């Protein structure tokens, strides 16, 4: 099948850093090794989720982990996807953003968001009713802070009076921004505000989101600027054979689901109805792509085209997948797809 792709098809890494059943320090070390591998292979960026009080994410402070990634890599860009602005003071968030962008030499990709599970924020004393307003105020403060100078803001949740901003990001006027969304209206907001998007779901559903993004009038016609990224997230496992790939992916996905469900089970919250509970269901829903290099290549390119996406967020490590399995998948994507499309 001949594929027609959006311009500059690009490949990045997404990670929950969910618990793999081993020592935490060893898992961090393995992920840093994986980041080094992806840097050598030419992946664009490493995006890390933020979760709290759950084995679904051991990266509770994404910027802290990503500062280590930045020191171990040369080209790989780094960024939280997303940094929970509902949870932290926006002034502190701004200072961390500046530090990470400077430490990485201007390689920060800044994802911001509210948080997907209110119970995580409630552990910090932030009720679900306050989250939307806190997020709006924090994002407004962040936008103002990027302009430098002194910062003043009067809101319901935050008040700042003539705060001297002595730090600044490396990238000017600010690092590229991202939101994670499954809603067309959010995609339209991202297009209007120059943000990139990351989407999860069947390609046919994601297409509605990317169409909404593209239907918004262009805000910047400078041909030298980077075109916005319309990202599609997929968990990917490549094996020597289809059976080998499935033997790796099935137990790893089972552990990932267990990690995902942890806070839902502890708090007796119903899990999302669209959560695939088995690997077969995850493959059917297009969350996972598992098989030989040739099969995975065809499936991913078909889904990217149907989704209208130009950026593939590859979740190469999840559950208890061994490091060498994740590295093998990274190499297969690089040799089987990245080297064969422009």
Protein backbone atom coordinates (compact mmCIF):
# COMPACT_ATOMS: atom_id res chain seq x y z
CA UNK A 1 0.00 0.00 0.00
CA UNK A 2 1.28 3.46 -0.89
CA UNK A 3 1.13 5.93 2.00
CA UNK A 4 0.69 9.68 1.78
CA UNK A 5 2.02 11.33 4.90
CA UNK A 6 1.83 14.73 6.46
CA UNK A 7 5.04 16.68 6.03
CA UNK A 8 8.01 15.80 8.22
CA UNK A 9 6.78 12.59 9.82
CA UNK A 10 8.62 12.47 13.16
CA UNK A 11 9.07 9.89 15.91
CA UNK A 12 9.26 10.43 19.66
CA UNK A 13 9.09 8.44 22.88
CA UNK A 14 6.32 8.52 25.48
CA UNK A 15 6.70 6.96 28.92
CA UNK A 16 4.52 6.51 32.01
CA UNK A 17 7.50 5.08 33.88
CA UNK A 18 5.02 2.64 35.41
CA UNK A 19 6.31 0.17 37.98
CA UNK A 20 8.06 -2.87 36.51
CA UNK A 21 8.25 -4.90 39.73
CA UNK A 22 11.95 -4.29 40.27
CA UNK A 23 14.08 -1.88 42.26
CA UNK A 24 13.14 1.74 41.55
CA UNK A 25 16.73 2.91 41.08
CA UNK A 26 17.37 0.11 38.57
CA UNK A 27 14.27 1.03 36.62
CA UNK A 28 15.43 4.66 36.44
CA UNK A 29 18.87 3.48 35.26
CA UNK A 30 17.32 1.30 32.55
CA UNK A 31 15.16 4.15 31.30
CA UNK A 32 18.20 6.41 31.06
CA UNK A 33 19.92 3.71 29.02
CA UNK A 34 16.86 3.50 26.77
CA UNK A 35 16.92 7.28 26.36
CA UNK A 36 20.57 7.08 25.29
CA UNK A 37 19.63 4.41 22.73
CA UNK A 38 16.81 6.54 21.33
CA UNK A 39 19.12 9.54 21.15
CA UNK A 40 21.62 7.59 19.04
CA UNK A 41 18.84 6.29 16.79
CA UNK A 42 17.55 9.77 16.02
CA UNK A 43 14.23 9.90 17.88
CA UNK A 44 13.00 13.46 18.31
CA UNK A 45 11.96 13.70 21.95
CA UNK A 46 11.35 11.83 25.21
CA UNK A 47 8.01 12.76 26.80
CA UNK A 48 7.28 11.68 30.39
CA UNK A 49 3.90 11.57 32.14
CA UNK A 50 3.33 12.92 35.65
CA UNK A 51 1.42 10.76 38.12
CA UNK A 52 1.32 10.66 41.93
CA UNK A 53 0.82 8.01 44.61
CA UNK A 54 0.39 5.23 42.08
CA UNK A 55 2.54 2.52 40.44
CA UNK A 56 1.15 3.82 37.14
CA UNK A 57 3.92 6.44 37.25
CA UNK A 58 7.26 6.49 39.02
CA UNK A 59 8.04 9.86 37.43
CA UNK A 60 6.27 12.01 40.01
CA UNK A 61 8.65 14.86 39.17
CA UNK A 62 9.13 14.61 35.40
CA UNK A 63 11.45 17.61 35.22
CA UNK A 64 13.80 16.03 37.75
CA UNK A 65 14.08 12.81 35.76
CA UNK A 66 14.29 14.62 32.44
CA UNK A 67 17.20 16.73 33.66
CA UNK A 68 19.11 13.43 33.94
CA UNK A 69 17.96 12.42 30.47
CA UNK A 70 19.22 15.75 29.12
CA UNK A 71 22.67 15.16 30.59
CA UNK A 72 22.88 11.66 29.10
CA UNK A 73 21.84 12.65 25.57
CA UNK A 74 22.93 15.07 22.85
CA UNK A 75 20.03 15.65 20.47
CA UNK A 76 16.99 14.07 22.12
CA UNK A 77 14.52 16.71 23.24
CA UNK A 78 12.80 16.27 26.61
CA UNK A 79 9.54 17.29 28.16
CA UNK A 80 6.74 16.49 30.59
CA UNK A 81 3.53 15.29 28.98
CA UNK A 82 2.04 16.79 30.93
CA UNK A 83 3.26 18.98 33.79
CA UNK A 84 0.29 19.29 36.17
CA UNK A 85 -0.17 23.03 36.54
CA UNK A 86 -3.20 22.37 38.75
CA UNK A 87 -0.86 20.90 41.36
CA UNK A 88 2.09 23.28 41.63
CA UNK A 89 2.52 26.99 42.15
CA UNK A 90 2.95 28.54 38.69
CA UNK A 91 5.97 30.58 39.79
CA UNK A 92 7.73 27.40 40.87
CA UNK A 93 6.66 25.75 37.60
CA UNK A 94 8.13 28.62 35.59
CA UNK A 95 11.46 28.42 37.42
CA UNK A 96 11.69 24.64 36.88
CA UNK A 97 10.87 25.10 33.19
CA UNK A 98 13.62 27.68 32.83
CA UNK A 99 16.15 25.44 34.57
CA UNK A 100 15.34 22.39 32.45
CA UNK A 101 15.44 24.37 29.22
CA UNK A 102 18.81 25.86 30.17
CA UNK A 103 20.28 22.56 31.41
CA UNK A 104 19.24 20.84 28.17
CA UNK A 105 20.63 23.58 25.93
CA UNK A 106 17.17 24.52 24.68
CA UNK A 107 15.74 21.03 24.18
CA UNK A 108 12.58 21.38 26.27
CA UNK A 109 9.16 20.43 24.88
CA UNK A 110 6.69 21.73 27.47
CA UNK A 111 3.48 19.77 27.97
CA UNK A 112 0.95 21.31 30.36
CA UNK A 113 -2.37 20.03 31.68
CA UNK A 114 -4.80 19.65 34.57
CA UNK A 115 -4.39 15.96 35.37
CA UNK A 116 -6.57 13.05 34.30
CA UNK A 117 -7.48 11.52 37.68
CA UNK A 118 -8.82 13.89 40.38
CA UNK A 119 -7.94 11.50 43.21
CA UNK A 120 -4.23 12.13 42.59
CA UNK A 121 -4.68 15.86 43.13
CA UNK A 122 -6.93 15.29 46.15
CA UNK A 123 -3.99 13.71 47.99
CA UNK A 124 -2.42 17.19 47.87
CA UNK A 125 -5.57 18.84 49.18
CA UNK A 126 -6.80 20.10 45.81
CA UNK A 127 -10.47 19.36 45.19
CA UNK A 128 -11.85 18.58 41.76
CA UNK A 129 -14.01 21.73 41.78
CA UNK A 130 -10.95 23.97 42.09
CA UNK A 131 -8.92 22.30 39.33
CA UNK A 132 -10.29 24.10 36.24
CA UNK A 133 -9.83 27.60 37.73
CA UNK A 134 -6.39 26.77 39.17
CA UNK A 135 -5.26 25.47 35.80
CA UNK A 136 -6.52 28.52 33.91
CA UNK A 137 -4.87 30.93 36.35
CA UNK A 138 -1.60 28.98 36.40
CA UNK A 139 -1.42 28.84 32.60
CA UNK A 140 -2.11 32.58 32.36
CA UNK A 141 0.67 33.27 34.85
CA UNK A 142 3.04 31.02 32.93
CA UNK A 143 2.34 32.89 29.69
CA UNK A 144 3.02 36.23 31.41
CA UNK A 145 6.19 34.93 33.05
CA UNK A 146 7.67 33.88 29.71
CA UNK A 147 7.76 37.56 28.74
CA UNK A 148 10.23 38.30 31.54
CA UNK A 149 10.57 41.44 33.63
CA UNK A 150 8.46 41.55 36.77
CA UNK A 151 5.34 39.49 37.31
CA UNK A 152 2.05 40.62 38.83
CA UNK A 153 -1.22 38.72 38.85
CA UNK A 154 -4.44 38.86 40.82
CA UNK A 155 -6.64 35.76 40.79
CA UNK A 156 -8.81 33.64 43.01
CA UNK A 157 -6.07 31.08 43.65
CA UNK A 158 -2.84 32.97 42.99
CA UNK A 159 -1.67 36.49 43.79
CA UNK A 160 1.70 37.81 42.64
CA UNK A 161 2.96 41.33 43.21
CA UNK A 162 5.97 42.70 41.32
CA UNK A 163 7.89 39.43 41.42
CA UNK A 164 11.35 39.85 39.82
CA UNK A 165 11.93 37.10 37.26
CA UNK A 166 15.64 36.38 37.36
CA UNK A 167 15.46 33.15 35.35
CA UNK A 168 14.51 32.77 31.69
CA UNK A 169 14.17 29.84 29.30
CA UNK A 170 16.89 29.15 26.77
CA UNK A 171 14.44 29.09 23.85
CA UNK A 172 12.89 32.38 22.87
CA UNK A 173 10.23 33.49 23.19
CA UNK A 174 9.45 30.22 24.99
CA UNK A 175 9.80 26.44 24.58
CA UNK A 176 7.33 24.64 22.30
CA UNK A 177 4.13 23.78 24.16
CA UNK A 178 1.98 20.65 24.11
CA UNK A 179 -1.38 19.50 25.36
CA UNK A 180 -2.76 15.97 25.51
CA UNK A 181 -6.32 15.86 24.24
CA UNK A 182 -9.04 13.60 22.89
CA UNK A 183 -11.46 16.47 22.21
CA UNK A 184 -11.78 18.43 18.95
CA UNK A 185 -12.53 21.67 20.84
CA UNK A 186 -9.24 21.39 22.72
CA UNK A 187 -7.43 20.79 19.43
CA UNK A 188 -8.92 24.01 18.06
CA UNK A 189 -7.65 25.85 21.16
CA UNK A 190 -4.18 24.36 20.62
CA UNK A 191 -4.16 25.49 16.99
CA UNK A 192 -5.19 29.00 17.99
CA UNK A 193 -2.46 29.18 20.63
CA UNK A 194 0.41 27.58 18.73
CA UNK A 195 0.51 24.39 20.79
CA UNK A 196 1.24 20.84 19.63
CA UNK A 197 -1.17 18.02 20.48
CA UNK A 198 -0.82 14.40 21.57
CA UNK A 199 -3.80 12.09 21.03
CA UNK A 200 -4.76 8.59 22.12
CA UNK A 201 -7.44 6.36 20.63
CA UNK A 202 -8.43 4.64 17.40
CA UNK A 203 -7.09 6.39 14.31
CA UNK A 204 -10.61 7.15 13.06
CA UNK A 205 -11.38 9.00 16.31
CA UNK A 206 -8.06 10.85 16.35
CA UNK A 207 -8.78 12.01 12.79
CA UNK A 208 -11.63 14.16 14.11
CA UNK A 209 -9.18 15.86 16.45
CA UNK A 210 -6.47 16.47 13.84
CA UNK A 211 -9.12 17.73 11.39
CA UNK A 212 -10.32 20.19 14.03
CA UNK A 213 -6.73 21.36 14.50
CA UNK A 214 -6.14 21.85 10.80
CA UNK A 215 -9.47 23.60 10.25
CA UNK A 216 -8.40 26.50 12.45
CA UNK A 217 -7.01 29.49 10.53
CA UNK A 218 -3.23 29.62 10.41
CA UNK A 219 -1.83 31.84 13.16
CA UNK A 220 1.73 32.00 11.89
CA UNK A 221 2.70 31.88 8.24
CA UNK A 222 6.47 32.06 8.75
CA UNK A 223 7.86 29.26 6.53
CA UNK A 224 10.96 28.96 8.73
CA UNK A 225 8.94 27.94 11.79
CA UNK A 226 8.44 24.30 12.79
CA UNK A 227 5.07 22.97 11.65
CA UNK A 228 2.86 21.94 14.58
CA UNK A 229 3.07 18.34 15.74
CA UNK A 230 -0.13 16.31 15.66
CA UNK A 231 0.82 13.33 17.76
CA UNK A 232 -0.56 9.79 17.86
CA UNK A 233 0.38 7.61 20.85
CA UNK A 234 0.91 3.87 20.48
CA UNK A 235 2.39 1.15 22.70
CA UNK A 236 4.73 -0.79 20.41
CA UNK A 237 6.46 -4.16 20.74
CA UNK A 238 8.47 -5.69 17.90
CA UNK A 239 9.67 -9.29 18.12
CA UNK A 240 11.65 -11.75 16.02
CA UNK A 241 8.30 -13.35 15.16
CA UNK A 242 4.65 -12.55 15.83
CA UNK A 243 4.55 -15.19 18.59
CA UNK A 244 7.72 -13.81 20.20
CA UNK A 245 6.35 -10.25 20.18
CA UNK A 246 3.08 -11.38 21.75
CA UNK A 247 4.92 -13.41 24.42
CA UNK A 248 6.75 -10.22 25.44
CA UNK A 249 3.81 -7.85 25.20
CA UNK A 250 1.07 -9.89 26.94
CA UNK A 251 2.55 -10.08 30.48
CA UNK A 252 3.92 -6.54 30.19
CA UNK A 253 0.50 -5.20 29.24
CA UNK A 254 -1.14 -7.13 32.09
CA UNK A 255 1.19 -5.42 34.56
CA UNK A 256 0.61 -2.04 32.93
CA UNK A 257 -3.17 -2.49 33.31
CA UNK A 258 -2.71 -3.49 36.96
CA UNK A 259 -0.63 -0.35 37.53
CA UNK A 260 -3.20 1.80 35.71
CA UNK A 261 -6.08 0.40 37.80
CA UNK A 262 -4.33 0.76 41.18
CA UNK A 263 -5.91 4.04 42.32
CA UNK A 264 -9.25 3.10 40.79
CA UNK A 265 -9.27 -0.15 42.78
CA UNK A 266 -8.00 1.41 46.04
CA UNK A 267 -10.68 4.09 45.90
CA UNK A 268 -13.45 1.91 44.44
CA UNK A 269 -13.68 4.10 41.33
CA UNK A 270 -14.96 2.50 38.11
CA UNK A 271 -12.21 2.23 35.52
CA UNK A 272 -12.75 4.08 32.23
CA UNK A 273 -15.08 2.01 30.04
CA UNK A 274 -12.73 2.30 27.06
CA UNK A 275 -9.73 0.83 28.94
CA UNK A 276 -8.69 -2.41 27.17
CA UNK A 277 -8.18 -5.03 29.90
CA UNK A 278 -6.25 -7.54 27.78
CA UNK A 279 -3.56 -7.30 25.13
CA UNK A 280 -5.92 -8.60 22.47
CA UNK A 281 -8.42 -5.87 23.35
CA UNK A 282 -5.63 -3.28 23.30
CA UNK A 283 -4.55 -4.41 19.83
CA UNK A 284 -8.16 -4.35 18.63
CA UNK A 285 -8.61 -0.79 19.94
CA UNK A 286 -5.29 0.27 18.33
CA UNK A 287 -3.70 1.19 21.67
CA UNK A 288 -1.02 -1.46 21.07
CA UNK A 289 0.78 -2.51 17.90
CA UNK A 290 2.57 -5.84 18.33
CA UNK A 291 4.30 -8.13 15.84
CA UNK A 292 7.22 -8.43 13.44
CA UNK A 293 9.04 -5.39 12.10
CA UNK A 294 7.23 -5.61 8.76
CA UNK A 295 3.79 -5.99 10.39
CA UNK A 296 4.37 -3.15 12.85
CA UNK A 297 5.62 -0.88 10.08
CA UNK A 298 2.49 -1.41 7.99
CA UNK A 299 0.13 -1.05 10.95
CA UNK A 300 1.73 2.13 12.29
CA UNK A 301 1.92 3.84 8.92
CA UNK A 302 -1.69 2.92 8.16
CA UNK A 303 -2.84 4.32 11.49
CA UNK A 304 -0.78 7.50 11.17
CA UNK A 305 -2.27 8.14 7.76
CA UNK A 306 -5.84 7.47 8.87
CA UNK A 307 -5.37 9.65 11.95
CA UNK A 308 -3.87 12.54 9.97
CA UNK A 309 -0.96 12.58 12.42
CA UNK A 310 2.60 13.66 11.69
CA UNK A 311 4.22 12.60 14.98
CA UNK A 312 4.28 9.09 16.43
CA UNK A 313 4.67 8.88 20.21
CA UNK A 314 6.08 5.38 20.72
CA UNK A 315 5.57 3.85 24.16
CA UNK A 316 8.43 1.38 24.00
CA UNK A 317 8.67 0.55 27.71
CA UNK A 318 5.69 -0.43 29.86
CA UNK A 319 4.93 -2.98 32.52
CA UNK A 320 7.79 -5.42 32.94
CA UNK A 321 9.13 -5.37 29.39
CA UNK A 322 12.88 -6.07 29.57
CA UNK A 323 15.20 -3.25 28.55
CA UNK A 324 16.60 -5.25 25.63
CA UNK A 325 13.08 -5.77 24.26
CA UNK A 326 12.42 -2.02 24.32
CA UNK A 327 15.78 -1.36 22.65
CA UNK A 328 15.01 -3.95 19.96
CA UNK A 329 11.70 -2.23 19.21
CA UNK A 330 13.43 1.17 19.06
CA UNK A 331 15.96 -0.18 16.55
CA UNK A 332 13.21 -1.80 14.47
CA UNK A 333 11.29 1.48 14.29
CA UNK A 334 14.44 3.33 13.31
CA UNK A 335 15.50 0.87 10.60
CA UNK A 336 12.04 -0.16 9.44
CA UNK A 337 10.25 3.20 9.41
CA UNK A 338 12.39 6.22 10.26
CA UNK A 339 15.04 5.41 7.66
CA UNK A 340 12.43 4.72 4.99
CA UNK A 341 10.17 7.79 5.13
CA UNK A 342 11.01 11.46 4.77
